[in-house]
Amino acid sequence: MAQTKLGEQPANTNGNLPELNSTAPDFILTGTDMKEIRLRDYAGKNVVLNIFPSVDTSVCASSVREFNKRAASLPDTVVLNIAKDLPFAMKRFCATEGIQHVYLASDFRNLGFGKNYGTELVDSAFAGLFARAVVVINKQGKVAHTQLVPQIGDEPDYDSAIKALN
């Protein structure tokens, strides 16, 4: 179990982010087209997992926009923005915001992403949603960087995540 904060209140997760240099756990998420997305679909590419509570919050939306901007210049790299929002809401957000360089993926079917990545909040007002975190997986499928953002209301450290791709 790891801990972050929601405002001044502690918020605990159901586990810990994967260990650095470990093999990243596979997952099954749902894309905005309602098709399954798996980590193995991106074998041989760098994968950035931008994990957050909901795209309908300002900080989460900002993180998607920022990774979208940065991802445009990243070769052999895929950015997956992951929450439990419905794929329909994620698709609407992408269309409204002009998001073209990253993907949004939902764990609304709860097929184990939160368990395997230790990101599901078990208490606080956001219980059941994901904590804000970033996991970078290199082309070999190993975890190259992790960050559980200490305050859910803060943006992740984009520079560190991008630097881990080199």
C-alpha atoms as a PDB file:
ATOM      1  CA  MET A   1       0.000   0.000   0.000  1.00  0.00           C
ATOM      2  CA  ALA A   2       1.244   3.465  -0.904  1.00  0.00           C
ATOM      3  CA  GLN A   3      -0.034   6.835   0.216  1.00  0.00           C
ATOM      4  CA  THR A   4      -0.766  10.082  -1.553  1.00  0.00           C
ATOM      5  CA  LYS A   5      -2.937  13.015  -0.496  1.00  0.00           C
ATOM      6  CA  LEU A   6      -6.266  14.387  -1.613  1.00  0.00           C
ATOM      7  CA  GLY A   7      -6.141  17.923  -0.317  1.00  0.00           C
ATOM      8  CA  GLU A   8      -4.991  17.609   3.271  1.00  0.00           C
ATOM      9  CA  GLN A   9      -6.357  14.086   3.702  1.00  0.00           C
ATOM     10  CA  PRO A  10      -4.236  10.953   3.213  1.00  0.00           C
ATOM     11  CA  ALA A  11      -5.375   8.672   0.412  1.00  0.00           C
ATOM     12  CA  ASN A  12      -4.111   5.086   0.311  1.00  0.00           C
ATOM     13  CA  THR A  13      -3.728   2.888  -2.735  1.00  0.00           C
ATOM     14  CA  ASN A  14      -4.338  -0.836  -2.978  1.00  0.00           C
ATOM     15  CA  GLY A  15      -0.654  -1.552  -3.571  1.00  0.00           C
ATOM     16  CA  ASN A  16       2.569  -0.137  -4.915  1.00  0.00           C
ATOM     17  CA  LEU A  17       3.680   0.873  -8.367  1.00  0.00           C
ATOM     18  CA  PRO A  18       5.750  -1.784 -10.160  1.00  0.00           C
ATOM     19  CA  GLU A  19       9.435  -1.939  -9.187  1.00  0.00           C
ATOM     20  CA  LEU A  20      11.992  -0.228 -11.394  1.00  0.00           C
ATOM     21  CA  ASN A  21      13.612  -2.625 -13.887  1.00  0.00           C
ATOM     22  CA  SER A  22      10.859  -5.215 -13.347  1.00  0.00           C
ATOM     23  CA  THR A  23       8.840  -6.563 -16.261  1.00  0.00           C
ATOM     24  CA  ALA A  24       5.773  -4.375 -16.604  1.00  0.00           C
ATOM     25  CA  PRO A  25       2.547  -6.288 -15.915  1.00  0.00           C
ATOM     26  CA  ASP A  26       0.301  -6.741 -18.931  1.00  0.00           C
ATOM     27  CA  PHE A  27      -3.172  -5.235 -18.735  1.00  0.00           C
ATOM     28  CA  ILE A  28      -6.507  -5.129 -20.489  1.00  0.00           C
ATOM     29  CA  LEU A  29      -8.085  -1.691 -20.868  1.00  0.00           C
ATOM     30  CA  THR A  30     -10.820  -0.369 -23.138  1.00  0.00           C
ATOM     31  CA  GLY A  31     -10.112   2.226 -25.808  1.00  0.00           C
ATOM     32  CA  THR A  32     -12.411   5.018 -26.930  1.00  0.00           C
ATOM     33  CA  ASP A  33     -13.516   2.676 -29.745  1.00  0.00           C
ATOM     34  CA  MET A  34     -14.595   0.077 -27.124  1.00  0.00           C
ATOM     35  CA  LYS A  35     -11.845  -2.330 -28.246  1.00  0.00           C
ATOM     36  CA  GLU A  36      -9.413  -3.955 -25.844  1.00  0.00           C
ATOM     37  CA  ILE A  37      -5.986  -2.409 -25.346  1.00  0.00           C
ATOM     38  CA  ARG A  38      -3.169  -4.537 -23.959  1.00  0.00           C
ATOM     39  CA  LEU A  39       0.391  -3.629 -23.100  1.00  0.00           C
ATOM     40  CA  ARG A  40       1.635  -6.358 -25.425  1.00  0.00           C
ATOM     41  CA  ASP A  41       0.004  -4.461 -28.328  1.00  0.00           C
ATOM     42  CA  TYR A  42       2.906  -2.008 -27.994  1.00  0.00           C
ATOM     43  CA  ALA A  43       5.794  -4.495 -27.820  1.00  0.00           C
ATOM     44  CA  GLY A  44       9.051  -2.880 -28.968  1.00  0.00           C
ATOM     45  CA  LYS A  45       7.862   0.649 -28.166  1.00  0.00           C
ATOM     46  CA  ASN A  46       8.310   2.916 -25.195  1.00  0.00           C
ATOM     47  CA  VAL A  47       5.019   3.234 -23.316  1.00  0.00           C
ATOM     48  CA  VAL A  48       4.126   6.080 -20.973  1.00  0.00           C
ATOM     49  CA  LEU A  49       1.188   5.380 -18.660  1.00  0.00           C
ATOM     50  CA  ASN A  50      -0.393   8.609 -17.431  1.00  0.00           C
ATOM     51  CA  ILE A  51      -2.757   7.371 -14.705  1.00  0.00           C
ATOM     52  CA  PHE A  52      -5.305   9.645 -13.030  1.00  0.00           C
ATOM     53  CA  PRO A  53      -8.755   9.827 -11.367  1.00  0.00           C
ATOM     54  CA  SER A  54     -10.875  11.334 -14.196  1.00  0.00           C
ATOM     55  CA  VAL A  55     -10.410  13.288 -17.392  1.00  0.00           C
ATOM     56  CA  ASP A  56     -13.297  15.464 -16.158  1.00  0.00           C
ATOM     57  CA  THR A  57     -11.042  17.225 -13.648  1.00  0.00           C
ATOM     58  CA  SER A  58      -8.859  20.165 -14.602  1.00  0.00           C
ATOM     59  CA  VAL A  59      -5.496  18.691 -13.555  1.00  0.00           C
ATOM     60  CA  CYS A  60      -6.195  15.362 -15.259  1.00  0.00           C
ATOM     61  CA  ALA A  61      -7.236  17.139 -18.447  1.00  0.00           C
ATOM     62  CA  SER A  62      -4.091  19.294 -18.268  1.00  0.00           C
ATOM     63  CA  SER A  63      -1.891  16.212 -17.985  1.00  0.00           C
ATOM     64  CA  VAL A  64      -3.478  14.683 -21.088  1.00  0.00           C
ATOM     65  CA  ARG A  65      -2.959  17.939 -23.007  1.00  0.00           C
ATOM     66  CA  GLU A  66       0.681  18.183 -21.874  1.00  0.00           C
ATOM     67  CA  PHE A  67       1.532  14.588 -22.762  1.00  0.00           C
ATOM     68  CA  ASN A  68      -0.274  15.086 -26.097  1.00  0.00           C
ATOM     69  CA  LYS A  69       1.950  18.086 -26.821  1.00  0.00           C
ATOM     70  CA  ARG A  70       5.145  16.283 -25.823  1.00  0.00           C
ATOM     71  CA  ALA A  71       4.264  12.952 -27.443  1.00  0.00           C
ATOM     72  CA  ALA A  72       4.172  14.490 -30.907  1.00  0.00           C
ATOM     73  CA  SER A  73       7.980  14.562 -30.944  1.00  0.00           C
ATOM     74  CA  LEU A  74       8.703  11.228 -29.250  1.00  0.00           C
ATOM     75  CA  PRO A  75       9.795   8.481 -31.657  1.00  0.00           C
ATOM     76  CA  ASP A  76       8.676   4.892 -30.993  1.00  0.00           C
ATOM     77  CA  THR A  77       6.627   6.031 -28.007  1.00  0.00           C
ATOM     78  CA  VAL A  78       2.977   5.556 -27.084  1.00  0.00           C
ATOM     79  CA  VAL A  79       1.244   7.502 -24.318  1.00  0.00           C
ATOM     80  CA  LEU A  80      -1.778   5.883 -22.694  1.00  0.00           C
ATOM     81  CA  ASN A  81      -3.881   8.092 -20.436  1.00  0.00           C
ATOM     82  CA  ILE A  82      -5.684   5.775 -18.036  1.00  0.00           C
ATOM     83  CA  ALA A  83      -8.693   6.361 -15.785  1.00  0.00           C
ATOM     84  CA  LYS A  84     -12.015   4.701 -15.005  1.00  0.00           C
ATOM     85  CA  ASP A  85     -14.012   7.168 -17.097  1.00  0.00           C
ATOM     86  CA  LEU A  86     -16.375   5.713 -19.650  1.00  0.00           C
ATOM     87  CA  PRO A  87     -14.804   5.435 -23.108  1.00  0.00           C
ATOM     88  CA  PHE A  88     -17.593   7.650 -24.492  1.00  0.00           C
ATOM     89  CA  ALA A  89     -16.577  10.537 -22.216  1.00  0.00           C
ATOM     90  CA  MET A  90     -12.923  10.013 -23.108  1.00  0.00           C
ATOM     91  CA  LYS A  91     -13.734  10.069 -26.830  1.00  0.00           C
ATOM     92  CA  ARG A  92     -15.735  13.285 -26.429  1.00  0.00           C
ATOM     93  CA  PHE A  93     -12.836  14.877 -24.523  1.00  0.00           C
ATOM     94  CA  CYS A  94     -10.358  13.948 -27.285  1.00  0.00           C
ATOM     95  CA  ALA A  95     -12.634  15.369 -29.984  1.00  0.00           C
ATOM     96  CA  THR A  96     -13.277  18.597 -28.089  1.00  0.00           C
ATOM     97  CA  GLU A  97      -9.608  19.115 -27.169  1.00  0.00           C
ATOM     98  CA  GLY A  98      -8.061  18.016 -30.473  1.00  0.00           C
ATOM     99  CA  ILE A  99      -6.091  15.210 -28.793  1.00  0.00           C
ATOM    100  CA  GLN A 100      -4.288  13.331 -31.585  1.00  0.00           C
ATOM    101  CA  HIS A 101      -0.908  12.098 -30.322  1.00  0.00           C
ATOM    102  CA  VAL A 102      -1.941  10.072 -27.261  1.00  0.00           C
ATOM    103  CA  TYR A 103      -4.588   7.488 -26.428  1.00  0.00           C
ATOM    104  CA  LEU A 104      -7.149   7.405 -23.665  1.00  0.00           C
ATOM    105  CA  ALA A 105      -7.911   4.054 -22.100  1.00  0.00           C
ATOM    106  CA  SER A 106     -10.499   3.081 -19.526  1.00  0.00           C
ATOM    107  CA  ASP A 107     -10.463   0.508 -16.765  1.00  0.00           C
ATOM    108  CA  PHE A 108     -14.219   0.841 -16.260  1.00  0.00           C
ATOM    109  CA  ARG A 109     -14.568  -2.914 -16.692  1.00  0.00           C
ATOM    110  CA  ASN A 110     -12.064  -3.360 -13.841  1.00  0.00           C
ATOM    111  CA  LEU A 111      -9.996  -6.101 -15.413  1.00  0.00           C
ATOM    112  CA  GLY A 112      -7.099  -5.746 -13.012  1.00  0.00           C
ATOM    113  CA  PHE A 113      -5.085  -2.711 -14.068  1.00  0.00           C
ATOM    114  CA  GLY A 114      -5.431  -0.992 -10.686  1.00  0.00           C
ATOM    115  CA  LYS A 115      -4.505  -4.181  -8.847  1.00  0.00           C
ATOM    116  CA  ASN A 116      -1.478  -4.939 -11.012  1.00  0.00           C
ATOM    117  CA  TYR A 117      -0.205  -1.356 -10.953  1.00  0.00           C
ATOM    118  CA  GLY A 118      -1.173  -0.533  -7.343  1.00  0.00           C
ATOM    119  CA  THR A 119      -3.012   2.645  -8.285  1.00  0.00           C
ATOM    120  CA  GLU A 120      -6.571   2.151  -7.077  1.00  0.00           C
ATOM    121  CA  LEU A 121      -7.502   4.356  -4.147  1.00  0.00           C
ATOM    122  CA  VAL A 122      -9.017   2.367  -1.275  1.00  0.00           C
ATOM    123  CA  ASP A 123     -10.147   5.303   0.849  1.00  0.00           C
ATOM    124  CA  SER A 124     -10.758   9.072   0.674  1.00  0.00           C
ATOM    125  CA  ALA A 125     -13.479  10.791  -1.338  1.00  0.00           C
ATOM    126  CA  PHE A 126     -11.872   9.289  -4.481  1.00  0.00           C
ATOM    127  CA  ALA A 127     -12.054   5.661  -3.269  1.00  0.00           C
ATOM    128  CA  GLY A 128     -12.391   3.370  -6.275  1.00  0.00           C
ATOM    129  CA  LEU A 129     -10.701   5.804  -8.661  1.00  0.00           C
ATOM    130  CA  PHE A 130      -7.011   5.840  -9.535  1.00  0.00           C
ATOM    131  CA  ALA A 131      -4.336   7.910  -7.843  1.00  0.00           C
ATOM    132  CA  ARG A 132      -2.295  10.205 -10.078  1.00  0.00           C
ATOM    133  CA  ALA A 133       0.781   8.322 -11.227  1.00  0.00           C
ATOM    134  CA  VAL A 134       3.121   7.882 -14.174  1.00  0.00           C
ATOM    135  CA  VAL A 135       4.812   4.652 -15.216  1.00  0.00           C
ATOM    136  CA  VAL A 136       7.301   4.578 -18.100  1.00  0.00           C
ATOM    137  CA  ILE A 137       7.980   1.239 -19.761  1.00  0.00           C
ATOM    138  CA  ASN A 138      10.951   0.904 -22.094  1.00  0.00           C
ATOM    139  CA  LYS A 139      11.115  -0.955 -25.422  1.00  0.00           C
ATOM    140  CA  GLN A 140      12.203  -4.121 -23.599  1.00  0.00           C
ATOM    141  CA  GLY A 141       9.021  -4.091 -21.495  1.00  0.00           C
ATOM    142  CA  LYS A 142      10.829  -3.070 -18.291  1.00  0.00           C
ATOM    143  CA  VAL A 143       9.689  -0.363 -15.902  1.00  0.00           C
ATOM    144  CA  ALA A 144      12.057   2.574 -16.426  1.00  0.00           C
ATOM    145  CA  HIS A 145      10.366   5.238 -14.261  1.00  0.00           C
ATOM    146  CA  THR A 146       7.532   5.537 -11.759  1.00  0.00           C
ATOM    147  CA  GLN A 147       5.966   8.409  -9.904  1.00  0.00           C
ATOM    148  CA  LEU A 148       3.072   8.365  -7.485  1.00  0.00           C
ATOM    149  CA  VAL A 149       2.277  12.074  -7.372  1.00  0.00           C
ATOM    150  CA  PRO A 150       2.320  13.069  -3.681  1.00  0.00           C
ATOM    151  CA  GLN A 151      -0.741  15.314  -4.038  1.00  0.00           C
ATOM    152  CA  ILE A 152      -3.528  14.105  -6.340  1.00  0.00           C
ATOM    153  CA  GLY A 153      -4.288  17.722  -7.241  1.00  0.00           C
ATOM    154  CA  ASP A 154      -0.762  18.307  -8.624  1.00  0.00           C
ATOM    155  CA  GLU A 155       0.485  17.534 -12.112  1.00  0.00           C
ATOM    156  CA  PRO A 156       3.080  14.792 -12.597  1.00  0.00           C
ATOM    157  CA  ASP A 157       6.763  15.456 -13.255  1.00  0.00           C
ATOM    158  CA  TYR A 158       6.641  15.455 -17.060  1.00  0.00           C
ATOM    159  CA  ASP A 159      10.348  16.122 -17.476  1.00  0.00           C
ATOM    160  CA  SER A 160      11.377  13.084 -15.444  1.00  0.00           C
ATOM    161  CA  ALA A 161       8.979  10.853 -17.338  1.00  0.00           C
ATOM    162  CA  ILE A 162      10.249  12.034 -20.721  1.00  0.00           C
ATOM    163  CA  LYS A 163      13.874  11.821 -19.581  1.00  0.00           C
ATOM    164  CA  ALA A 164      13.345   8.151 -18.650  1.00  0.00           C
ATOM    165  CA  LEU A 165      12.700   7.434 -22.340  1.00  0.00           C
ATOM    166  CA  ASN A 166      16.334   8.149 -23.246  1.00  0.00           C
END
